[in-house]
Amino acid sequence: MKCIYCGCAELKVIDSRPVEESNAIRRRRECTNCGKRFTTYETVEETQLLVIKNNGNRQLFDVNKLKNGIIKSCEKRPVSMEKIEGLVADIQQKLNNSLEQEVTSKHIGELVMEGLKNIDEVAYIRFASVYRQFKDSTTFFEEMKKIFDPEIKK
C-alpha cells in the first residue's frame, strides 16, 4: 500500500479496530514521509462461485435467487424468516467451504431439499415438486413416501 498523498510505500498503522456488523477491519495509517494520515478498510476477498445449470450454461451464484426460491417454498407455512436466512447462510457456507469455483445447480438443489426436509415437510415437497419436476401424482407420492419411510433410498 502507498500513501494516497505522496505515494510513499513506508506507512505505519496507528490504530486498528473491527468494523461493527461487518467482516472488515478499519486501520488508521500515517505516512512516514509526509506525515499525513488516512483510513483504510480491509475485507475478506470472496471468490466468485459459478453455477453450472442443467443446460451447461454457467452463471454467477446469486444468494438472493437461492433465498427467493426457499421463501417461495415456505409461503403460507409457519417458517420464520430467521430459519430461512439460517438455511441460506448454511448452504452458502457449505458452498464456500467446498473451495470449488464451480458447482452444479443440482448440488445446490439437493442442499436446499436437505435443509427444508428438517425445517418443514410441506415446504420440502413444494420445492421438490418444482426442482424434480414431478410429472404425475405417482412421482409426487414416491417423494412423500421418502419422508415418512427413511429406509427408502433416494
N, C-alpha and C. Protein backbone atom coordinates (compact mmCIF):
# COMPACT_ATOMS: atom_id res chain seq x y z
N MET A 1 0.84 -1.17 0.00
CA MET A 1 0.00 0.00 0.00
C MET A 1 0.90 1.24 0.00
N LYS A 2 0.39 2.27 -0.66
CA LYS A 2 1.13 3.52 -0.75
C LYS A 2 0.31 4.67 -0.18
N CYS A 3 1.01 5.69 0.26
CA CYS A 3 0.36 6.89 0.76
C CYS A 3 -0.49 7.51 -0.35
N ILE A 4 -1.71 7.89 -0.02
CA ILE A 4 -2.59 8.48 -1.05
C ILE A 4 -2.20 9.92 -1.37
N TYR A 5 -1.34 10.50 -0.56
CA TYR A 5 -0.95 11.89 -0.78
C TYR A 5 0.38 12.02 -1.53
N CYS A 6 1.39 11.24 -1.10
CA CYS A 6 2.72 11.41 -1.72
C CYS A 6 3.21 10.15 -2.44
N GLY A 7 2.51 9.03 -2.27
CA GLY A 7 2.90 7.80 -2.98
C GLY A 7 3.97 6.99 -2.28
N CYS A 8 4.41 7.40 -1.12
CA CYS A 8 5.44 6.68 -0.38
C CYS A 8 4.89 5.34 0.12
N ALA A 9 5.74 4.31 0.07
CA ALA A 9 5.31 2.97 0.50
C ALA A 9 5.57 2.72 1.98
N GLU A 10 6.21 3.65 2.65
CA GLU A 10 6.51 3.49 4.07
C GLU A 10 5.38 4.07 4.92
N LEU A 11 4.56 3.20 5.45
CA LEU A 11 3.42 3.62 6.26
C LEU A 11 3.47 2.91 7.59
N LYS A 12 2.84 3.51 8.60
CA LYS A 12 2.70 2.80 9.86
C LYS A 12 1.22 2.83 10.27
N VAL A 13 0.80 1.75 10.90
CA VAL A 13 -0.58 1.64 11.36
C VAL A 13 -0.64 2.26 12.75
N ILE A 14 -1.51 3.25 12.91
CA ILE A 14 -1.66 3.95 14.18
C ILE A 14 -2.75 3.28 15.03
N ASP A 15 -3.83 2.90 14.39
CA ASP A 15 -4.97 2.33 15.10
C ASP A 15 -5.61 1.27 14.21
N SER A 16 -6.08 0.20 14.84
CA SER A 16 -6.72 -0.88 14.11
C SER A 16 -7.89 -1.40 14.94
N ARG A 17 -9.07 -1.49 14.33
CA ARG A 17 -10.24 -1.99 15.07
C ARG A 17 -11.24 -2.60 14.10
N PRO A 18 -12.01 -3.59 14.58
CA PRO A 18 -13.04 -4.20 13.71
C PRO A 18 -14.18 -3.22 13.47
N VAL A 19 -14.78 -3.32 12.31
CA VAL A 19 -15.94 -2.51 11.97
C VAL A 19 -17.17 -3.26 12.46
N GLU A 20 -18.01 -2.58 13.23
CA GLU A 20 -19.20 -3.22 13.78
C GLU A 20 -20.10 -3.72 12.65
N GLU A 21 -20.70 -4.91 12.87
CA GLU A 21 -21.64 -5.54 11.95
C GLU A 21 -21.07 -5.68 10.54
N SER A 22 -19.79 -5.98 10.46
CA SER A 22 -19.16 -6.17 9.16
C SER A 22 -17.95 -7.07 9.32
N ASN A 23 -17.55 -7.69 8.25
CA ASN A 23 -16.36 -8.52 8.24
C ASN A 23 -15.17 -7.69 7.76
N ALA A 24 -14.97 -6.54 8.37
CA ALA A 24 -13.91 -5.63 7.94
C ALA A 24 -13.13 -5.13 9.14
N ILE A 25 -11.92 -4.66 8.84
CA ILE A 25 -11.08 -4.05 9.86
C ILE A 25 -10.73 -2.65 9.38
N ARG A 26 -10.93 -1.68 10.26
CA ARG A 26 -10.61 -0.28 9.96
C ARG A 26 -9.21 -0.02 10.48
N ARG A 27 -8.35 0.52 9.62
CA ARG A 27 -6.98 0.84 10.03
C ARG A 27 -6.71 2.33 9.76
N ARG A 28 -6.17 2.98 10.75
CA ARG A 28 -5.75 4.38 10.60
C ARG A 28 -4.25 4.33 10.34
N ARG A 29 -3.82 4.90 9.23
CA ARG A 29 -2.42 4.83 8.81
C ARG A 29 -1.81 6.22 8.75
N GLU A 30 -0.47 6.25 8.93
CA GLU A 30 0.28 7.51 8.83
C GLU A 30 1.47 7.28 7.92
N CYS A 31 1.69 8.21 7.00
CA CYS A 31 2.83 8.14 6.09
C CYS A 31 4.07 8.62 6.84
N THR A 32 5.15 7.84 6.74
CA THR A 32 6.40 8.23 7.41
C THR A 32 7.12 9.34 6.64
N ASN A 33 6.74 9.55 5.38
CA ASN A 33 7.38 10.57 4.57
C ASN A 33 6.73 11.94 4.76
N CYS A 34 5.41 12.03 4.52
CA CYS A 34 4.74 13.34 4.59
C CYS A 34 3.98 13.55 5.90
N GLY A 35 3.80 12.50 6.68
CA GLY A 35 3.15 12.63 7.97
C GLY A 35 1.63 12.70 7.93
N LYS A 36 1.04 12.64 6.74
CA LYS A 36 -0.41 12.71 6.64
C LYS A 36 -1.03 11.36 7.00
N ARG A 37 -2.28 11.45 7.49
CA ARG A 37 -2.99 10.26 7.93
C ARG A 37 -4.19 9.98 7.03
N PHE A 38 -4.52 8.71 6.92
CA PHE A 38 -5.71 8.31 6.17
C PHE A 38 -6.20 6.96 6.71
N THR A 39 -7.43 6.63 6.37
CA THR A 39 -8.06 5.41 6.87
C THR A 39 -8.22 4.41 5.73
N THR A 40 -7.96 3.14 6.04
CA THR A 40 -8.21 2.07 5.07
C THR A 40 -9.11 1.03 5.74
N TYR A 41 -9.77 0.25 4.91
CA TYR A 41 -10.61 -0.84 5.39
C TYR A 41 -10.16 -2.12 4.71
N GLU A 42 -9.99 -3.16 5.51
CA GLU A 42 -9.61 -4.46 4.98
C GLU A 42 -10.81 -5.38 5.08
N THR A 43 -11.11 -6.06 3.97
CA THR A 43 -12.20 -7.03 3.97
C THR A 43 -11.70 -8.34 3.36
N VAL A 44 -12.40 -9.38 3.64
CA VAL A 44 -12.07 -10.69 3.08
C VAL A 44 -12.51 -10.69 1.63
N GLU A 45 -11.63 -11.11 0.75
CA GLU A 45 -11.96 -11.20 -0.66
C GLU A 45 -12.58 -12.56 -0.92
N GLU A 46 -13.84 -12.53 -1.33
CA GLU A 46 -14.53 -13.78 -1.61
C GLU A 46 -14.39 -14.11 -3.09
N THR A 47 -14.12 -15.39 -3.35
CA THR A 47 -14.05 -15.82 -4.74
C THR A 47 -15.46 -15.97 -5.28
N GLN A 48 -15.63 -15.68 -6.52
CA GLN A 48 -16.95 -15.78 -7.14
C GLN A 48 -17.22 -17.24 -7.51
N LEU A 49 -18.40 -17.68 -7.19
CA LEU A 49 -18.81 -19.05 -7.43
C LEU A 49 -19.67 -19.10 -8.68
N LEU A 50 -19.34 -20.00 -9.60
CA LEU A 50 -20.14 -20.18 -10.81
C LEU A 50 -21.05 -21.38 -10.63
N VAL A 51 -22.29 -21.23 -11.08
CA VAL A 51 -23.26 -22.31 -11.03
C VAL A 51 -23.41 -22.88 -12.43
N ILE A 52 -23.23 -24.20 -12.54
CA ILE A 52 -23.40 -24.87 -13.82
C ILE A 52 -24.85 -25.34 -13.90
N LYS A 53 -25.59 -24.74 -14.82
CA LYS A 53 -27.01 -25.05 -14.97
C LYS A 53 -27.17 -26.39 -15.70
N ASN A 54 -28.39 -26.92 -15.70
CA ASN A 54 -28.65 -28.21 -16.34
C ASN A 54 -28.35 -28.20 -17.83
N ASN A 55 -28.50 -27.06 -18.48
CA ASN A 55 -28.23 -26.98 -19.91
C ASN A 55 -26.75 -26.72 -20.22
N GLY A 56 -25.91 -26.68 -19.18
CA GLY A 56 -24.48 -26.48 -19.37
C GLY A 56 -24.02 -25.04 -19.25
N ASN A 57 -24.95 -24.10 -19.27
CA ASN A 57 -24.59 -22.69 -19.11
C ASN A 57 -24.06 -22.43 -17.71
N ARG A 58 -23.24 -21.42 -17.59
CA ARG A 58 -22.70 -21.03 -16.30
C ARG A 58 -23.14 -19.62 -15.98
N GLN A 59 -23.48 -19.41 -14.68
CA GLN A 59 -23.82 -18.07 -14.23
C GLN A 59 -23.32 -17.89 -12.81
N LEU A 60 -23.13 -16.63 -12.42
CA LEU A 60 -22.66 -16.34 -11.07
C LEU A 60 -23.70 -16.78 -10.05
N PHE A 61 -23.21 -17.32 -8.94
CA PHE A 61 -24.09 -17.71 -7.84
C PHE A 61 -24.76 -16.46 -7.29
N ASP A 62 -26.07 -16.53 -7.14
CA ASP A 62 -26.85 -15.40 -6.64
C ASP A 62 -27.57 -15.84 -5.38
N VAL A 63 -27.12 -15.35 -4.23
CA VAL A 63 -27.69 -15.75 -2.95
C VAL A 63 -29.15 -15.30 -2.85
N ASN A 64 -29.51 -14.20 -3.50
CA ASN A 64 -30.90 -13.72 -3.48
C ASN A 64 -31.82 -14.67 -4.23
N LYS A 65 -31.33 -15.24 -5.31
CA LYS A 65 -32.12 -16.21 -6.07
C LYS A 65 -32.37 -17.46 -5.21
N LEU A 66 -31.36 -17.89 -4.49
CA LEU A 66 -31.48 -19.03 -3.59
C LEU A 66 -32.51 -18.72 -2.50
N LYS A 67 -32.37 -17.56 -1.88
CA LYS A 67 -33.27 -17.16 -0.80
C LYS A 67 -34.71 -17.05 -1.29
N ASN A 68 -34.91 -16.46 -2.46
CA ASN A 68 -36.27 -16.30 -3.00
C ASN A 68 -36.93 -17.65 -3.29
N GLY A 69 -36.14 -18.62 -3.78
CA GLY A 69 -36.68 -19.95 -4.03
C GLY A 69 -37.13 -20.63 -2.75
N ILE A 70 -36.35 -20.45 -1.70
CA ILE A 70 -36.70 -21.04 -0.40
C ILE A 70 -37.92 -20.33 0.18
N ILE A 71 -37.97 -19.01 0.07
CA ILE A 71 -39.13 -18.25 0.56
C ILE A 71 -40.40 -18.70 -0.15
N LYS A 72 -40.31 -18.89 -1.45
CA LYS A 72 -41.47 -19.33 -2.24
C LYS A 72 -41.98 -20.69 -1.75
N SER A 73 -41.07 -21.59 -1.43
CA SER A 73 -41.45 -22.92 -0.93
C SER A 73 -42.10 -22.84 0.44
N CYS A 74 -41.70 -21.86 1.22
CA CYS A 74 -42.19 -21.73 2.60
C CYS A 74 -43.40 -20.81 2.72
N GLU A 75 -43.88 -20.31 1.59
CA GLU A 75 -45.01 -19.39 1.59
C GLU A 75 -46.21 -20.01 2.30
N LYS A 76 -46.84 -19.23 3.17
CA LYS A 76 -48.02 -19.63 3.94
C LYS A 76 -47.75 -20.84 4.84
N ARG A 77 -46.50 -20.97 5.26
CA ARG A 77 -46.11 -22.03 6.18
C ARG A 77 -45.55 -21.37 7.44
N PRO A 78 -45.58 -22.07 8.57
CA PRO A 78 -45.08 -21.47 9.81
C PRO A 78 -43.55 -21.54 9.92
N VAL A 79 -42.88 -20.99 8.91
CA VAL A 79 -41.42 -20.99 8.88
C VAL A 79 -40.96 -19.53 9.02
N SER A 80 -40.19 -19.26 10.05
CA SER A 80 -39.74 -17.89 10.30
C SER A 80 -38.66 -17.48 9.30
N MET A 81 -38.56 -16.18 9.12
CA MET A 81 -37.52 -15.63 8.25
C MET A 81 -36.15 -15.97 8.81
N GLU A 82 -36.06 -16.07 10.11
CA GLU A 82 -34.81 -16.42 10.76
C GLU A 82 -34.35 -17.82 10.33
N LYS A 83 -35.28 -18.77 10.25
CA LYS A 83 -34.93 -20.13 9.81
C LYS A 83 -34.53 -20.15 8.34
N ILE A 84 -35.24 -19.36 7.54
CA ILE A 84 -34.91 -19.29 6.11
C ILE A 84 -33.52 -18.70 5.92
N GLU A 85 -33.23 -17.60 6.60
CA GLU A 85 -31.92 -16.97 6.49
C GLU A 85 -30.82 -17.88 7.04
N GLY A 86 -31.15 -18.65 8.08
CA GLY A 86 -30.19 -19.62 8.62
C GLY A 86 -29.87 -20.71 7.61
N LEU A 87 -30.90 -21.19 6.91
CA LEU A 87 -30.68 -22.21 5.87
C LEU A 87 -29.85 -21.65 4.73
N VAL A 88 -30.17 -20.44 4.30
CA VAL A 88 -29.41 -19.79 3.23
C VAL A 88 -27.94 -19.64 3.64
N ALA A 89 -27.71 -19.17 4.86
CA ALA A 89 -26.34 -18.99 5.35
C ALA A 89 -25.62 -20.33 5.44
N ASP A 90 -26.32 -21.37 5.87
CA ASP A 90 -25.72 -22.69 5.97
C ASP A 90 -25.31 -23.23 4.60
N ILE A 91 -26.19 -23.07 3.62
CA ILE A 91 -25.89 -23.52 2.26
C ILE A 91 -24.73 -22.73 1.68
N GLN A 92 -24.75 -21.42 1.89
CA GLN A 92 -23.67 -20.56 1.38
C GLN A 92 -22.34 -20.95 2.01
N GLN A 93 -22.36 -21.25 3.31
CA GLN A 93 -21.13 -21.65 3.99
C GLN A 93 -20.62 -22.99 3.45
N LYS A 94 -21.51 -23.94 3.22
CA LYS A 94 -21.11 -25.24 2.66
C LYS A 94 -20.48 -25.06 1.29
N LEU A 95 -21.06 -24.19 0.48
CA LEU A 95 -20.52 -23.95 -0.86
C LEU A 95 -19.15 -23.29 -0.78
N ASN A 96 -19.00 -22.31 0.12
CA ASN A 96 -17.72 -21.63 0.27
C ASN A 96 -16.65 -22.55 0.85
N ASN A 97 -17.04 -23.41 1.79
CA ASN A 97 -16.10 -24.33 2.41
C ASN A 97 -15.63 -25.43 1.47
N SER A 98 -16.39 -25.66 0.41
CA SER A 98 -16.00 -26.72 -0.52
C SER A 98 -14.77 -26.32 -1.34
N LEU A 99 -14.48 -25.03 -1.37
CA LEU A 99 -13.33 -24.47 -2.10
C LEU A 99 -13.43 -24.69 -3.61
N GLU A 100 -14.60 -25.08 -4.07
CA GLU A 100 -14.82 -25.24 -5.51
C GLU A 100 -15.18 -23.88 -6.10
N GLN A 101 -14.78 -23.67 -7.35
CA GLN A 101 -15.13 -22.42 -8.02
C GLN A 101 -16.39 -22.59 -8.86
N GLU A 102 -16.75 -23.85 -9.12
CA GLU A 102 -17.96 -24.15 -9.87
C GLU A 102 -18.74 -25.23 -9.14
N VAL A 103 -20.06 -25.08 -9.15
CA VAL A 103 -20.93 -26.05 -8.50
C VAL A 103 -22.16 -26.23 -9.40
N THR A 104 -22.70 -27.43 -9.41
CA THR A 104 -23.87 -27.68 -10.25
C THR A 104 -25.13 -27.18 -9.54
N SER A 105 -26.10 -26.78 -10.33
CA SER A 105 -27.38 -26.36 -9.76
C SER A 105 -28.04 -27.55 -9.06
N LYS A 106 -27.75 -28.74 -9.54
CA LYS A 106 -28.30 -29.95 -8.91
C LYS A 106 -27.79 -30.07 -7.47
N HIS A 107 -26.51 -29.81 -7.25
CA HIS A 107 -25.94 -29.90 -5.91
C HIS A 107 -26.59 -28.87 -4.98
N ILE A 108 -26.79 -27.65 -5.48
CA ILE A 108 -27.43 -26.62 -4.68
C ILE A 108 -28.86 -27.03 -4.34
N GLY A 109 -29.57 -27.57 -5.32
CA GLY A 109 -30.93 -28.03 -5.09
C GLY A 109 -31.01 -29.12 -4.03
N GLU A 110 -30.04 -30.03 -4.05
CA GLU A 110 -30.01 -31.10 -3.05
C GLU A 110 -29.76 -30.53 -1.65
N LEU A 111 -28.88 -29.52 -1.56
CA LEU A 111 -28.62 -28.87 -0.26
C LEU A 111 -29.88 -28.19 0.26
N VAL A 112 -30.62 -27.54 -0.63
CA VAL A 112 -31.86 -26.88 -0.23
C VAL A 112 -32.87 -27.91 0.27
N MET A 113 -33.03 -29.00 -0.49
CA MET A 113 -34.01 -30.02 -0.09
C MET A 113 -33.62 -30.66 1.24
N GLU A 114 -32.35 -30.91 1.44
CA GLU A 114 -31.86 -31.47 2.70
C GLU A 114 -32.22 -30.55 3.87
N GLY A 115 -32.03 -29.26 3.68
CA GLY A 115 -32.33 -28.30 4.73
C GLY A 115 -33.82 -28.14 4.97
N LEU A 116 -34.60 -28.07 3.88
CA LEU A 116 -36.04 -27.91 4.01
C LEU A 116 -36.70 -29.12 4.66
N LYS A 117 -36.16 -30.29 4.41
CA LYS A 117 -36.72 -31.50 5.00
C LYS A 117 -36.69 -31.42 6.52
N ASN A 118 -35.66 -30.78 7.06
CA ASN A 118 -35.53 -30.63 8.51
C ASN A 118 -36.33 -29.46 9.07
N ILE A 119 -36.73 -28.53 8.21
CA ILE A 119 -37.45 -27.35 8.66
C ILE A 119 -38.97 -27.53 8.53
N ASP A 120 -39.43 -27.93 7.34
CA ASP A 120 -40.86 -28.04 7.10
C ASP A 120 -41.10 -29.01 5.94
N GLU A 121 -41.83 -30.09 6.21
CA GLU A 121 -42.04 -31.13 5.20
C GLU A 121 -42.84 -30.64 4.00
N VAL A 122 -43.81 -29.76 4.24
CA VAL A 122 -44.62 -29.24 3.13
C VAL A 122 -43.76 -28.36 2.22
N ALA A 123 -42.93 -27.51 2.83
CA ALA A 123 -42.02 -26.67 2.04
C ALA A 123 -41.06 -27.55 1.24
N TYR A 124 -40.61 -28.64 1.87
CA TYR A 124 -39.72 -29.58 1.19
C TYR A 124 -40.41 -30.16 -0.05
N ILE A 125 -41.66 -30.61 0.11
CA ILE A 125 -42.40 -31.21 -1.01
C ILE A 125 -42.65 -30.17 -2.10
N ARG A 126 -42.96 -28.95 -1.71
CA ARG A 126 -43.16 -27.88 -2.70
C ARG A 126 -41.89 -27.66 -3.52
N PHE A 127 -40.77 -27.54 -2.82
CA PHE A 127 -39.50 -27.31 -3.52
C PHE A 127 -39.17 -28.51 -4.40
N ALA A 128 -39.33 -29.72 -3.86
CA ALA A 128 -39.01 -30.93 -4.61
C ALA A 128 -39.88 -31.06 -5.85
N SER A 129 -41.15 -30.66 -5.75
CA SER A 129 -42.05 -30.80 -6.91
C SER A 129 -41.60 -29.93 -8.07
N VAL A 130 -41.07 -28.76 -7.77
CA VAL A 130 -40.55 -27.89 -8.83
C VAL A 130 -39.17 -28.34 -9.26
N TYR A 131 -38.31 -28.61 -8.28
CA TYR A 131 -36.93 -28.98 -8.55
C TYR A 131 -36.82 -30.30 -9.33
N ARG A 132 -37.58 -31.28 -8.89
CA ARG A 132 -37.52 -32.60 -9.55
C ARG A 132 -38.54 -32.74 -10.67
N GLN A 133 -39.30 -31.71 -10.91
CA GLN A 133 -40.28 -31.65 -11.99
C GLN A 133 -41.17 -32.90 -12.01
N PHE A 134 -41.94 -33.05 -10.93
CA PHE A 134 -42.85 -34.19 -10.84
C PHE A 134 -43.78 -34.19 -12.05
N LYS A 135 -43.85 -35.31 -12.72
CA LYS A 135 -44.67 -35.43 -13.93
C LYS A 135 -46.11 -35.83 -13.62
N ASP A 136 -46.28 -36.58 -12.53
CA ASP A 136 -47.62 -37.06 -12.19
C ASP A 136 -47.73 -37.31 -10.69
N SER A 137 -48.89 -37.76 -10.25
CA SER A 137 -49.12 -37.98 -8.83
C SER A 137 -48.30 -39.14 -8.28
N THR A 138 -47.93 -40.10 -9.12
CA THR A 138 -47.12 -41.23 -8.67
C THR A 138 -45.74 -40.75 -8.22
N THR A 139 -45.13 -39.88 -8.99
CA THR A 139 -43.82 -39.33 -8.64
C THR A 139 -43.92 -38.54 -7.35
N PHE A 140 -44.99 -37.77 -7.22
CA PHE A 140 -45.25 -36.99 -6.02
C PHE A 140 -45.40 -37.92 -4.81
N PHE A 141 -46.17 -38.99 -4.98
CA PHE A 141 -46.40 -39.94 -3.90
C PHE A 141 -45.11 -40.64 -3.49
N GLU A 142 -44.26 -40.98 -4.43
CA GLU A 142 -42.98 -41.62 -4.13
C GLU A 142 -42.11 -40.71 -3.26
N GLU A 143 -42.11 -39.44 -3.56
CA GLU A 143 -41.33 -38.48 -2.77
C GLU A 143 -41.91 -38.36 -1.36
N MET A 144 -43.22 -38.39 -1.24
CA MET A 144 -43.87 -38.35 0.07
C MET A 144 -43.48 -39.57 0.89
N LYS A 145 -43.41 -40.72 0.26
CA LYS A 145 -43.04 -41.95 0.97
C LYS A 145 -41.62 -41.85 1.53
N LYS A 146 -40.74 -41.17 0.82
CA LYS A 146 -39.36 -41.00 1.31
C LYS A 146 -39.31 -40.22 2.62
N ILE A 147 -40.22 -39.29 2.77
CA ILE A 147 -40.26 -38.50 4.01
C ILE A 147 -40.69 -39.37 5.18
N PHE A 148 -41.72 -40.17 4.96
CA PHE A 148 -42.28 -40.93 6.06
C PHE A 148 -41.62 -42.27 6.29
N ASP A 149 -40.83 -42.75 5.32
CA ASP A 149 -40.13 -44.01 5.48
C ASP A 149 -38.65 -43.78 5.16
N PRO A 150 -37.83 -43.49 6.17
CA PRO A 150 -36.41 -43.18 5.93
C PRO A 150 -35.61 -44.35 5.37
N GLU A 151 -36.17 -45.55 5.38
CA GLU A 151 -35.48 -46.71 4.84
C GLU A 151 -35.44 -46.70 3.31
N ILE A 152 -36.36 -45.94 2.68
CA ILE A 152 -36.38 -45.87 1.23
C ILE A 152 -35.21 -45.02 0.77
N LYS A 153 -34.45 -45.55 -0.17
CA LYS A 153 -33.28 -44.82 -0.67
C LYS A 153 -33.72 -43.74 -1.64
N LYS A 154 -32.92 -42.72 -1.70
CA LYS A 154 -33.21 -41.57 -2.59
C LYS A 154 -33.07 -41.96 -4.03
